[in-house]
Protein backbone atom coordinates (compact mmCIF):
# COMPACT_ATOMS: atom_id res chain seq x y z
CA UNK A 1 50.31 126.05 151.39
CA UNK A 2 51.19 127.29 154.87
CA UNK A 3 53.35 130.41 154.74
CA UNK A 4 55.36 130.42 157.94
CA UNK A 5 58.90 130.60 159.21
CA UNK A 6 60.39 129.15 162.36
CA UNK A 7 62.80 131.36 164.28
CA UNK A 8 65.14 130.34 167.06
CA UNK A 9 66.83 133.06 169.11
CA UNK A 10 68.86 133.28 172.28
CA UNK A 11 66.59 132.35 175.21
CA UNK A 12 68.10 134.98 177.51
CA UNK A 13 67.62 137.99 175.23
CA UNK A 14 64.62 139.64 173.60
CA UNK A 15 64.67 140.70 169.95
CA UNK A 16 62.25 142.75 167.92
CA UNK A 17 61.21 141.71 164.42
CA UNK A 18 59.64 144.46 162.31
CA UNK A 19 58.27 143.82 158.81
CA UNK A 20 57.57 146.66 156.38
CA UNK A 21 55.75 146.75 153.05
CA UNK A 22 57.30 148.41 149.99
CA UNK A 23 55.78 151.76 151.02
CA UNK A 24 57.70 151.65 154.31
CA UNK A 25 54.64 151.00 156.46
CA UNK A 26 54.98 148.58 159.38
CA UNK A 27 52.75 145.58 158.69
CA UNK A 28 54.01 143.30 161.48
CA UNK A 29 55.95 143.72 164.69
CA UNK A 30 56.77 141.09 167.29
CA UNK A 31 59.06 140.50 170.23
CA UNK A 32 61.02 137.27 169.86
CA UNK A 33 62.61 135.16 172.56
CA UNK A 34 63.47 131.48 172.23
CA UNK A 35 61.70 129.47 169.53
CA UNK A 36 58.74 130.93 167.65
CA UNK A 37 56.82 130.32 164.47
CA UNK A 38 55.55 133.29 162.47
CA UNK A 39 52.73 132.89 159.97
CA UNK A 40 52.57 134.92 156.77
CA UNK A 41 49.22 133.46 155.66
CA UNK A 42 47.47 136.85 156.13
CA UNK A 43 50.06 138.69 154.02
CA UNK A 44 49.29 139.52 150.40
CA UNK A 45 51.72 138.32 147.75
CA UNK A 46 54.58 140.73 147.29
CA UNK A 47 57.89 141.96 148.63
CA UNK A 48 58.43 142.86 152.27
CA UNK A 49 61.46 144.05 154.20
CA UNK A 50 62.43 143.11 157.73
CA UNK A 51 64.61 144.44 160.53
CA UNK A 52 65.76 142.37 163.47
CA UNK A 53 67.06 144.33 166.43
CA UNK A 54 67.88 143.99 170.08
CA UNK A 55 67.62 146.78 172.62
CA UNK A 56 70.87 148.37 171.45
CA UNK A 57 71.15 148.06 167.68
CA UNK A 58 69.89 146.67 164.39
CA UNK A 59 71.29 143.19 163.93
CA UNK A 60 70.02 142.18 160.53
CA UNK A 61 67.78 143.35 157.74
CA UNK A 62 66.61 141.73 154.56
CA UNK A 63 63.86 140.98 152.09
CA UNK A 64 60.97 138.49 152.20
CA UNK A 65 59.16 137.51 149.00
CA UNK A 66 55.71 135.99 149.38
CA UNK A 67 54.19 134.26 146.35
């Protein structure tokens, strides 16, 4: 099974997606602009946390569970 998500953002602005493991270590970081697909196939099963931010502030955070 392919573990991926598709993300669509505002074309005119850049966002940063940061994913952390449960120990608080950064395991993935990417700049997003427009449409992108992010693969989680190299991630071990478990719980991860994400932060989405622009250049000024954190916009959203949450949890990702990979089986």
